[in-house]
Amino acid sequence: MAAANVLADPLAHGTVSVDHLRAVQRRREFPTRATQSLQLTVQNRFLRGVLAGTTKPAVPWPLRLMQRLPVLQRIPARLIGVGIRPEHVRTPANSE
């Protein structure tokens, strides 16, 4: 969506430049890095020992908290499904 929002008009007019591509990168770089950092943290803190067979599987405290407070259960699903910075299609009728 970020690329579509930035590039739709330049593509339609044949005027795409490196600056347009940089704008897409700037828009998506933080969410991508944050998501990858979260994935690495989960892998390194919770999964690595279990997969290597050196640690007995245990429910991490954030998951135990979510079990006690169901309202928190939406957070991981939202982060996975929607992402850290949700994107929406901008059309001329609803542009910024």
C-alpha atoms as a PDB file:
ATOM      1  CA  MET A   1       0.000   0.000   0.000  1.00  0.00           C
ATOM      2  CA  ALA A   2       2.810   2.411   0.811  1.00  0.00           C
ATOM      3  CA  ALA A   3       4.361   1.860  -2.608  1.00  0.00           C
ATOM      4  CA  ALA A   4       0.997   2.199  -4.326  1.00  0.00           C
ATOM      5  CA  ASN A   5       0.254   5.454  -2.519  1.00  0.00           C
ATOM      6  CA  VAL A   6       3.624   6.976  -3.374  1.00  0.00           C
ATOM      7  CA  LEU A   7       4.052   5.584  -6.882  1.00  0.00           C
ATOM      8  CA  ALA A   8       0.548   5.550  -8.398  1.00  0.00           C
ATOM      9  CA  ASP A   9       0.599   9.099  -9.751  1.00  0.00           C
ATOM     10  CA  PRO A  10       4.247   9.083 -10.908  1.00  0.00           C
ATOM     11  CA  LEU A  11       3.693   5.725 -12.639  1.00  0.00           C
ATOM     12  CA  ALA A  12       0.566   7.016 -14.353  1.00  0.00           C
ATOM     13  CA  HIS A  13       2.523  10.019 -15.648  1.00  0.00           C
ATOM     14  CA  GLY A  14       5.766   8.153 -16.368  1.00  0.00           C
ATOM     15  CA  THR A  15       7.729  10.293 -13.915  1.00  0.00           C
ATOM     16  CA  VAL A  16       8.948   7.793 -11.301  1.00  0.00           C
ATOM     17  CA  SER A  17      12.260   8.876  -9.816  1.00  0.00           C
ATOM     18  CA  VAL A  18      14.730   7.566  -7.280  1.00  0.00           C
ATOM     19  CA  ASP A  19      13.264  10.101  -4.828  1.00  0.00           C
ATOM     20  CA  HIS A  20       9.884   8.361  -5.077  1.00  0.00           C
ATOM     21  CA  LEU A  21      11.517   5.026  -4.318  1.00  0.00           C
ATOM     22  CA  ARG A  22      13.377   6.564  -1.368  1.00  0.00           C
ATOM     23  CA  ALA A  23      10.053   7.860  -0.039  1.00  0.00           C
ATOM     24  CA  VAL A  24       8.662   4.317  -0.083  1.00  0.00           C
ATOM     25  CA  GLN A  25      11.767   3.047   1.688  1.00  0.00           C
ATOM     26  CA  ARG A  26      11.562   5.763   4.360  1.00  0.00           C
ATOM     27  CA  ARG A  27       7.900   4.963   4.942  1.00  0.00           C
ATOM     28  CA  ARG A  28       8.445   1.187   5.308  1.00  0.00           C
ATOM     29  CA  GLU A  29      11.894   0.956   6.901  1.00  0.00           C
ATOM     30  CA  PHE A  30      10.865   1.536  10.541  1.00  0.00           C
ATOM     31  CA  PRO A  31       7.954  -0.955  10.545  1.00  0.00           C
ATOM     32  CA  THR A  32      10.118  -3.552   8.808  1.00  0.00           C
ATOM     33  CA  ARG A  33      13.004  -3.157  11.246  1.00  0.00           C
ATOM     34  CA  ALA A  34      10.668  -3.166  14.258  1.00  0.00           C
ATOM     35  CA  THR A  35       8.922  -6.333  13.066  1.00  0.00           C
ATOM     36  CA  GLN A  36      12.221  -8.095  12.400  1.00  0.00           C
ATOM     37  CA  SER A  37      13.548  -7.034  15.796  1.00  0.00           C
ATOM     38  CA  LEU A  38      10.468  -8.456  17.496  1.00  0.00           C
ATOM     39  CA  GLN A  39      10.850 -11.719  15.570  1.00  0.00           C
ATOM     40  CA  LEU A  40      14.511 -12.000  16.572  1.00  0.00           C
ATOM     41  CA  THR A  41      13.698 -11.301  20.207  1.00  0.00           C
ATOM     42  CA  VAL A  42      11.077 -14.053  20.280  1.00  0.00           C
ATOM     43  CA  GLN A  43      13.458 -16.448  18.506  1.00  0.00           C
ATOM     44  CA  ASN A  44      16.417 -15.716  20.772  1.00  0.00           C
ATOM     45  CA  ARG A  45      14.613 -15.484  24.119  1.00  0.00           C
ATOM     46  CA  PHE A  46      11.913 -18.113  23.817  1.00  0.00           C
ATOM     47  CA  LEU A  47      12.426 -20.495  20.927  1.00  0.00           C
ATOM     48  CA  ARG A  48      16.150 -21.087  20.539  1.00  0.00           C
ATOM     49  CA  GLY A  49      16.585 -23.122  23.740  1.00  0.00           C
ATOM     50  CA  VAL A  50      13.414 -25.124  23.170  1.00  0.00           C
ATOM     51  CA  LEU A  51      14.380 -25.966  19.586  1.00  0.00           C
ATOM     52  CA  ALA A  52      17.908 -26.916  20.651  1.00  0.00           C
ATOM     53  CA  GLY A  53      16.518 -29.157  23.377  1.00  0.00           C
ATOM     54  CA  THR A  54      18.408 -27.333  26.118  1.00  0.00           C
ATOM     55  CA  THR A  55      15.370 -25.732  27.759  1.00  0.00           C
ATOM     56  CA  LYS A  56      12.084 -27.166  28.863  1.00  0.00           C
ATOM     57  CA  PRO A  57       9.171 -25.398  27.130  1.00  0.00           C
ATOM     58  CA  ALA A  58       7.474 -22.900  29.415  1.00  0.00           C
ATOM     59  CA  VAL A  59       4.822 -20.291  28.819  1.00  0.00           C
ATOM     60  CA  PRO A  60       6.530 -16.861  28.778  1.00  0.00           C
ATOM     61  CA  TRP A  61       5.177 -14.263  31.206  1.00  0.00           C
ATOM     62  CA  PRO A  62       3.666 -12.063  28.445  1.00  0.00           C
ATOM     63  CA  LEU A  63       1.543 -15.009  27.320  1.00  0.00           C
ATOM     64  CA  ARG A  64       0.535 -15.828  30.887  1.00  0.00           C
ATOM     65  CA  LEU A  65      -0.544 -12.202  31.317  1.00  0.00           C
ATOM     66  CA  MET A  66      -2.601 -12.410  28.121  1.00  0.00           C
ATOM     67  CA  GLN A  67      -4.303 -15.535  29.415  1.00  0.00           C
ATOM     68  CA  ARG A  68      -5.369 -13.636  32.525  1.00  0.00           C
ATOM     69  CA  LEU A  69      -6.412 -10.454  30.700  1.00  0.00           C
ATOM     70  CA  PRO A  70      -8.255 -11.457  27.516  1.00  0.00           C
ATOM     71  CA  VAL A  71      -8.364  -7.865  26.247  1.00  0.00           C
ATOM     72  CA  LEU A  72      -4.590  -8.172  25.660  1.00  0.00           C
ATOM     73  CA  GLN A  73      -5.032 -11.182  23.367  1.00  0.00           C
ATOM     74  CA  ARG A  74      -5.828  -8.912  20.430  1.00  0.00           C
ATOM     75  CA  ILE A  75      -2.417  -7.245  20.461  1.00  0.00           C
ATOM     76  CA  PRO A  76      -0.288 -10.032  18.888  1.00  0.00           C
ATOM     77  CA  ALA A  77      -2.953 -10.787  16.288  1.00  0.00           C
ATOM     78  CA  ARG A  78      -3.155  -7.110  15.350  1.00  0.00           C
ATOM     79  CA  LEU A  79       0.622  -6.769  15.106  1.00  0.00           C
ATOM     80  CA  ILE A  80       0.847  -9.835  12.896  1.00  0.00           C
ATOM     81  CA  GLY A  81      -2.215  -9.088  10.787  1.00  0.00           C
ATOM     82  CA  VAL A  82      -2.077  -5.315  10.432  1.00  0.00           C
ATOM     83  CA  GLY A  83       1.512  -4.474  11.298  1.00  0.00           C
ATOM     84  CA  ILE A  84       3.181  -1.698  13.222  1.00  0.00           C
ATOM     85  CA  ARG A  85       2.290   1.039  10.730  1.00  0.00           C
ATOM     86  CA  PRO A  86      -0.898   0.083   8.902  1.00  0.00           C
ATOM     87  CA  GLU A  87      -1.195   1.304   5.332  1.00  0.00           C
ATOM     88  CA  HIS A  88      -4.406   2.223   3.547  1.00  0.00           C
ATOM     89  CA  VAL A  89      -4.984   2.984  -0.101  1.00  0.00           C
ATOM     90  CA  ARG A  90      -5.230   6.696  -0.737  1.00  0.00           C
ATOM     91  CA  THR A  91      -7.348   7.687  -3.693  1.00  0.00           C
ATOM     92  CA  PRO A  92      -7.862  11.245  -4.967  1.00  0.00           C
ATOM     93  CA  ALA A  93     -11.163  11.332  -3.035  1.00  0.00           C
ATOM     94  CA  ASN A  94      -9.532  10.511   0.326  1.00  0.00           C
ATOM     95  CA  SER A  95      -5.923  11.732  -0.059  1.00  0.00           C
ATOM     96  CA  GLU A  96      -4.162  13.549   2.738  1.00  0.00           C
END
